[in-house]
N, C-alpha and C. Protein backbone atom coordinates (compact mmCIF):
# COMPACT_ATOMS: atom_id res chain seq x y z
N MET A 1 -12.42 9.51 9.17
CA MET A 1 -13.42 9.77 10.21
C MET A 1 -12.69 10.28 11.45
N THR A 2 -13.09 11.43 11.92
CA THR A 2 -12.45 11.99 13.10
C THR A 2 -12.93 11.27 14.34
N GLU A 3 -12.16 11.36 15.40
CA GLU A 3 -12.52 10.69 16.64
C GLU A 3 -13.83 11.24 17.22
N VAL A 4 -14.05 12.55 17.12
CA VAL A 4 -15.29 13.14 17.64
C VAL A 4 -16.47 12.61 16.83
N HIS A 5 -16.34 12.57 15.51
CA HIS A 5 -17.41 12.06 14.66
C HIS A 5 -17.70 10.60 14.98
N LYS A 6 -16.66 9.82 15.22
CA LYS A 6 -16.81 8.40 15.55
C LYS A 6 -17.60 8.23 16.83
N LYS A 7 -17.38 9.09 17.80
CA LYS A 7 -18.05 8.97 19.10
C LYS A 7 -19.54 9.28 19.02
N TYR A 8 -19.92 10.25 18.21
CA TYR A 8 -21.27 10.78 18.33
C TYR A 8 -22.23 10.39 17.21
N ASP A 9 -21.75 9.86 16.10
CA ASP A 9 -22.65 9.43 15.04
C ASP A 9 -22.78 7.91 15.12
N LEU A 10 -23.55 7.47 16.08
CA LEU A 10 -23.67 6.04 16.37
C LEU A 10 -24.38 5.28 15.26
N GLU A 11 -25.31 5.91 14.59
CA GLU A 11 -25.99 5.24 13.47
C GLU A 11 -24.99 4.92 12.35
N LYS A 12 -24.17 5.89 12.02
CA LYS A 12 -23.15 5.68 10.99
C LYS A 12 -22.10 4.68 11.48
N ARG A 13 -21.74 4.77 12.73
CA ARG A 13 -20.72 3.86 13.28
C ARG A 13 -21.19 2.41 13.24
N THR A 14 -22.44 2.17 13.59
CA THR A 14 -22.95 0.80 13.57
C THR A 14 -23.08 0.30 12.13
N PHE A 15 -23.41 1.20 11.20
CA PHE A 15 -23.47 0.84 9.78
C PHE A 15 -22.08 0.45 9.28
N GLU A 16 -21.08 1.25 9.62
CA GLU A 16 -19.71 0.95 9.20
C GLU A 16 -19.21 -0.36 9.80
N PHE A 17 -19.59 -0.64 11.03
CA PHE A 17 -19.22 -1.90 11.67
C PHE A 17 -19.78 -3.08 10.85
N ALA A 18 -21.05 -3.02 10.50
CA ALA A 18 -21.67 -4.08 9.72
C ALA A 18 -21.00 -4.22 8.34
N LYS A 19 -20.68 -3.10 7.70
CA LYS A 19 -20.01 -3.15 6.40
C LYS A 19 -18.62 -3.77 6.51
N ARG A 20 -17.87 -3.39 7.53
CA ARG A 20 -16.52 -3.93 7.70
C ARG A 20 -16.56 -5.42 8.01
N VAL A 21 -17.57 -5.84 8.77
CA VAL A 21 -17.73 -7.27 9.03
C VAL A 21 -17.94 -8.01 7.71
N ARG A 22 -18.80 -7.47 6.86
CA ARG A 22 -19.09 -8.12 5.57
C ARG A 22 -17.84 -8.19 4.69
N ASP A 23 -17.06 -7.12 4.67
CA ASP A 23 -15.81 -7.13 3.91
C ASP A 23 -14.85 -8.17 4.49
N PHE A 24 -14.77 -8.22 5.81
CA PHE A 24 -13.87 -9.15 6.49
C PHE A 24 -14.23 -10.60 6.18
N VAL A 25 -15.50 -10.96 6.31
CA VAL A 25 -15.89 -12.37 6.11
C VAL A 25 -15.71 -12.80 4.66
N SER A 26 -15.75 -11.86 3.74
CA SER A 26 -15.54 -12.23 2.33
C SER A 26 -14.10 -12.68 2.07
N LYS A 27 -13.19 -12.36 2.98
CA LYS A 27 -11.78 -12.72 2.82
C LYS A 27 -11.42 -14.02 3.54
N LEU A 28 -12.35 -14.58 4.29
CA LEU A 28 -12.07 -15.79 5.06
C LEU A 28 -12.18 -17.04 4.19
N PRO A 29 -11.44 -18.10 4.56
CA PRO A 29 -11.55 -19.35 3.81
C PRO A 29 -12.95 -19.96 3.97
N ARG A 30 -13.36 -20.70 3.00
CA ARG A 30 -14.71 -21.29 2.98
C ARG A 30 -14.71 -22.69 3.60
N THR A 31 -14.46 -22.76 4.91
CA THR A 31 -14.60 -24.02 5.62
C THR A 31 -16.02 -24.11 6.16
N VAL A 32 -16.44 -25.31 6.50
CA VAL A 32 -17.80 -25.50 7.00
C VAL A 32 -18.04 -24.64 8.24
N SER A 33 -17.13 -24.68 9.18
CA SER A 33 -17.33 -23.91 10.42
C SER A 33 -17.28 -22.40 10.16
N ALA A 34 -16.37 -21.96 9.30
CA ALA A 34 -16.28 -20.52 9.01
C ALA A 34 -17.55 -20.03 8.32
N ILE A 35 -18.07 -20.81 7.41
CA ILE A 35 -19.30 -20.41 6.71
C ILE A 35 -20.44 -20.23 7.70
N GLU A 36 -20.62 -21.20 8.59
CA GLU A 36 -21.71 -21.12 9.56
C GLU A 36 -21.51 -19.98 10.55
N ASP A 37 -20.29 -19.84 11.05
CA ASP A 37 -20.00 -18.75 11.99
C ASP A 37 -20.18 -17.39 11.33
N CYS A 38 -19.76 -17.28 10.08
CA CYS A 38 -19.88 -16.01 9.36
C CYS A 38 -21.33 -15.64 9.10
N LYS A 39 -22.18 -16.62 8.84
CA LYS A 39 -23.60 -16.34 8.67
C LYS A 39 -24.16 -15.69 9.93
N GLN A 40 -23.82 -16.25 11.08
CA GLN A 40 -24.30 -15.71 12.35
C GLN A 40 -23.71 -14.31 12.59
N LEU A 41 -22.42 -14.15 12.29
CA LEU A 41 -21.74 -12.87 12.49
C LEU A 41 -22.36 -11.78 11.61
N VAL A 42 -22.63 -12.09 10.35
CA VAL A 42 -23.22 -11.11 9.45
C VAL A 42 -24.59 -10.68 9.98
N ARG A 43 -25.38 -11.64 10.44
CA ARG A 43 -26.72 -11.31 10.97
C ARG A 43 -26.62 -10.41 12.21
N SER A 44 -25.80 -10.82 13.16
CA SER A 44 -25.73 -10.07 14.42
C SER A 44 -25.12 -8.68 14.21
N SER A 45 -24.11 -8.57 13.36
CA SER A 45 -23.49 -7.26 13.14
C SER A 45 -24.46 -6.29 12.48
N GLY A 46 -25.29 -6.77 11.56
CA GLY A 46 -26.28 -5.92 10.94
C GLY A 46 -27.40 -5.55 11.88
N SER A 47 -27.71 -6.44 12.81
CA SER A 47 -28.79 -6.19 13.77
C SER A 47 -28.45 -5.07 14.75
N VAL A 48 -27.17 -4.86 15.00
CA VAL A 48 -26.78 -3.79 15.92
C VAL A 48 -27.32 -2.46 15.40
N GLY A 49 -26.98 -2.13 14.17
CA GLY A 49 -27.42 -0.86 13.59
C GLY A 49 -28.90 -0.79 13.32
N ALA A 50 -29.47 -1.90 12.85
CA ALA A 50 -30.90 -1.91 12.56
C ALA A 50 -31.72 -1.65 13.83
N ASN A 51 -31.32 -2.25 14.93
CA ASN A 51 -32.04 -2.03 16.18
C ASN A 51 -31.78 -0.64 16.74
N TYR A 52 -30.61 -0.07 16.46
CA TYR A 52 -30.35 1.30 16.90
C TYR A 52 -31.28 2.28 16.16
N ILE A 53 -31.48 2.03 14.87
CA ILE A 53 -32.43 2.86 14.11
C ILE A 53 -33.83 2.71 14.71
N GLU A 54 -34.21 1.48 15.02
CA GLU A 54 -35.51 1.22 15.65
C GLU A 54 -35.62 1.96 16.99
N ALA A 55 -34.55 1.95 17.77
CA ALA A 55 -34.56 2.64 19.07
C ALA A 55 -34.81 4.13 18.88
N ASN A 56 -34.18 4.71 17.89
CA ASN A 56 -34.35 6.15 17.64
C ASN A 56 -35.74 6.49 17.14
N GLU A 57 -36.46 5.52 16.64
CA GLU A 57 -37.83 5.73 16.16
C GLU A 57 -38.86 5.22 17.15
N SER A 58 -38.43 4.83 18.33
CA SER A 58 -39.34 4.23 19.31
C SER A 58 -40.40 5.23 19.77
N LEU A 59 -41.53 4.68 20.19
CA LEU A 59 -42.65 5.51 20.60
C LEU A 59 -42.71 5.74 22.11
N SER A 60 -41.91 4.97 22.84
CA SER A 60 -41.92 5.12 24.30
C SER A 60 -40.52 4.87 24.85
N LYS A 61 -40.32 5.29 26.07
CA LYS A 61 -39.04 5.06 26.74
C LYS A 61 -38.80 3.56 26.93
N LYS A 62 -39.86 2.84 27.25
CA LYS A 62 -39.75 1.39 27.44
C LYS A 62 -39.30 0.70 26.14
N ASP A 63 -39.89 1.09 25.02
CA ASP A 63 -39.50 0.53 23.73
C ASP A 63 -38.07 0.91 23.39
N PHE A 64 -37.69 2.17 23.67
CA PHE A 64 -36.32 2.62 23.43
C PHE A 64 -35.33 1.74 24.19
N LEU A 65 -35.58 1.53 25.48
CA LEU A 65 -34.68 0.71 26.29
C LEU A 65 -34.60 -0.72 25.79
N LEU A 66 -35.71 -1.28 25.38
CA LEU A 66 -35.72 -2.64 24.85
C LEU A 66 -34.82 -2.73 23.62
N ARG A 67 -34.95 -1.78 22.71
CA ARG A 67 -34.14 -1.78 21.48
C ARG A 67 -32.66 -1.59 21.78
N ILE A 68 -32.34 -0.73 22.74
CA ILE A 68 -30.94 -0.52 23.11
C ILE A 68 -30.37 -1.79 23.74
N LYS A 69 -31.17 -2.48 24.54
CA LYS A 69 -30.73 -3.76 25.10
C LYS A 69 -30.46 -4.78 24.00
N ILE A 70 -31.29 -4.78 22.97
CA ILE A 70 -31.07 -5.68 21.84
C ILE A 70 -29.80 -5.30 21.10
N CYS A 71 -29.54 -4.01 20.94
CA CYS A 71 -28.29 -3.55 20.32
C CYS A 71 -27.09 -4.09 21.07
N ARG A 72 -27.13 -3.98 22.40
CA ARG A 72 -26.03 -4.47 23.21
C ARG A 72 -25.88 -5.97 23.05
N LYS A 73 -26.99 -6.68 23.06
CA LYS A 73 -26.97 -8.14 22.92
C LYS A 73 -26.37 -8.55 21.57
N GLU A 74 -26.75 -7.86 20.51
CA GLU A 74 -26.25 -8.19 19.17
C GLU A 74 -24.77 -7.84 19.03
N ALA A 75 -24.32 -6.76 19.66
CA ALA A 75 -22.89 -6.43 19.65
C ALA A 75 -22.09 -7.49 20.39
N LYS A 76 -22.65 -7.95 21.51
CA LYS A 76 -21.99 -9.00 22.29
C LYS A 76 -21.94 -10.30 21.49
N GLU A 77 -23.02 -10.61 20.80
CA GLU A 77 -23.05 -11.82 19.97
C GLU A 77 -22.04 -11.70 18.82
N SER A 78 -21.94 -10.52 18.23
CA SER A 78 -20.96 -10.31 17.15
C SER A 78 -19.54 -10.57 17.65
N LYS A 79 -19.26 -10.07 18.83
CA LYS A 79 -17.94 -10.30 19.43
C LYS A 79 -17.70 -11.79 19.62
N TYR A 80 -18.69 -12.51 20.07
CA TYR A 80 -18.58 -13.96 20.28
C TYR A 80 -18.22 -14.67 18.97
N TRP A 81 -18.95 -14.37 17.90
CA TRP A 81 -18.69 -15.03 16.61
C TRP A 81 -17.32 -14.63 16.08
N LEU A 82 -16.93 -13.39 16.27
CA LEU A 82 -15.59 -12.97 15.84
C LEU A 82 -14.50 -13.74 16.57
N GLU A 83 -14.69 -13.93 17.86
CA GLU A 83 -13.69 -14.64 18.66
C GLU A 83 -13.59 -16.11 18.28
N LEU A 84 -14.67 -16.68 17.77
CA LEU A 84 -14.64 -18.08 17.35
C LEU A 84 -13.86 -18.32 16.06
N LEU A 85 -13.76 -17.30 15.24
CA LEU A 85 -13.13 -17.46 13.93
C LEU A 85 -11.62 -17.61 14.04
N ASN A 86 -11.09 -18.55 13.27
CA ASN A 86 -9.64 -18.68 13.11
C ASN A 86 -9.25 -17.86 11.89
N VAL A 87 -8.32 -16.93 12.08
CA VAL A 87 -7.94 -16.05 10.96
C VAL A 87 -6.45 -16.16 10.67
N ASP A 88 -6.11 -15.96 9.41
CA ASP A 88 -4.71 -15.93 8.99
C ASP A 88 -4.06 -14.67 9.53
N LYS A 89 -2.74 -14.70 9.61
CA LYS A 89 -2.03 -13.54 10.16
C LYS A 89 -2.23 -12.27 9.34
N ASN A 90 -2.51 -12.40 8.05
CA ASN A 90 -2.73 -11.20 7.23
C ASN A 90 -4.08 -10.54 7.53
N LEU A 91 -4.96 -11.22 8.25
CA LEU A 91 -6.27 -10.64 8.63
C LEU A 91 -6.36 -10.31 10.12
N LEU A 92 -5.28 -10.53 10.85
CA LEU A 92 -5.31 -10.32 12.31
C LEU A 92 -5.63 -8.88 12.69
N ALA A 93 -5.09 -7.91 11.98
CA ALA A 93 -5.32 -6.51 12.34
C ALA A 93 -6.81 -6.16 12.21
N GLU A 94 -7.43 -6.56 11.12
CA GLU A 94 -8.85 -6.28 10.92
C GLU A 94 -9.69 -7.05 11.93
N HIS A 95 -9.31 -8.28 12.19
CA HIS A 95 -10.00 -9.12 13.19
C HIS A 95 -9.96 -8.45 14.56
N SER A 96 -8.79 -8.00 14.96
CA SER A 96 -8.64 -7.32 16.26
C SER A 96 -9.45 -6.04 16.31
N TYR A 97 -9.44 -5.28 15.22
CA TYR A 97 -10.20 -4.04 15.16
C TYR A 97 -11.69 -4.33 15.36
N LEU A 98 -12.20 -5.34 14.67
CA LEU A 98 -13.63 -5.66 14.76
C LEU A 98 -14.02 -6.13 16.16
N ILE A 99 -13.17 -6.90 16.80
CA ILE A 99 -13.44 -7.32 18.18
C ILE A 99 -13.46 -6.10 19.10
N LYS A 100 -12.49 -5.21 18.91
CA LYS A 100 -12.45 -3.98 19.71
C LYS A 100 -13.69 -3.12 19.47
N GLU A 101 -14.11 -3.00 18.23
CA GLU A 101 -15.28 -2.19 17.91
C GLU A 101 -16.55 -2.80 18.51
N ALA A 102 -16.69 -4.12 18.42
CA ALA A 102 -17.85 -4.78 19.03
C ALA A 102 -17.87 -4.53 20.53
N THR A 103 -16.71 -4.60 21.16
CA THR A 103 -16.60 -4.35 22.61
C THR A 103 -16.99 -2.91 22.93
N GLU A 104 -16.48 -1.96 22.16
CA GLU A 104 -16.82 -0.55 22.40
C GLU A 104 -18.31 -0.30 22.20
N LEU A 105 -18.90 -0.91 21.19
CA LEU A 105 -20.34 -0.75 20.97
C LEU A 105 -21.13 -1.31 22.15
N MET A 106 -20.70 -2.45 22.68
CA MET A 106 -21.35 -3.01 23.87
C MET A 106 -21.30 -2.02 25.02
N MET A 107 -20.15 -1.42 25.23
CA MET A 107 -19.99 -0.47 26.34
C MET A 107 -20.83 0.79 26.11
N ILE A 108 -20.91 1.25 24.88
CA ILE A 108 -21.71 2.44 24.57
C ILE A 108 -23.18 2.15 24.86
N PHE A 109 -23.68 1.01 24.40
CA PHE A 109 -25.09 0.68 24.62
C PHE A 109 -25.37 0.43 26.10
N SER A 110 -24.41 -0.10 26.82
CA SER A 110 -24.57 -0.28 28.28
C SER A 110 -24.70 1.08 28.95
N ALA A 111 -23.88 2.04 28.52
CA ALA A 111 -23.94 3.39 29.10
C ALA A 111 -25.29 4.06 28.77
N ILE A 112 -25.76 3.89 27.55
CA ILE A 112 -27.05 4.45 27.17
C ILE A 112 -28.15 3.85 28.03
N MET A 113 -28.08 2.55 28.27
CA MET A 113 -29.07 1.88 29.11
C MET A 113 -29.07 2.47 30.54
N ARG A 114 -27.88 2.62 31.10
CA ARG A 114 -27.77 3.14 32.46
C ARG A 114 -28.33 4.55 32.56
N LYS A 115 -28.00 5.38 31.58
CA LYS A 115 -28.43 6.78 31.60
C LYS A 115 -29.91 6.95 31.30
N SER A 116 -30.50 5.96 30.63
CA SER A 116 -31.91 6.06 30.24
C SER A 116 -32.88 5.48 31.27
N GLN A 117 -32.36 4.78 32.26
CA GLN A 117 -33.25 4.13 33.24
C GLN A 117 -33.60 5.05 34.38
């Protein structure tokens, strides 16, 4: 994926984020806390893209902004659950990437909100 493509195909980018989260959590140990945190992480990571699709199909500017705000909230929540997870050193690179991606998605949705108001 080229850097330009990564910047401008937000629907695909949010989909890839959710897929990578799912691949990542499948590699984590099955502790009680990890299982519960991963359930929340899987939900919030998928909600980012799902709400972005909803935003693009919105019928009004108000609805669009609401959906974009939800996208930002879900990206922020995904980052929170990622930060709670304890990961082995062999998963640190992917863990760091996912935290960075969640942060970038938050910033992108914040910028969309500012420009749309």
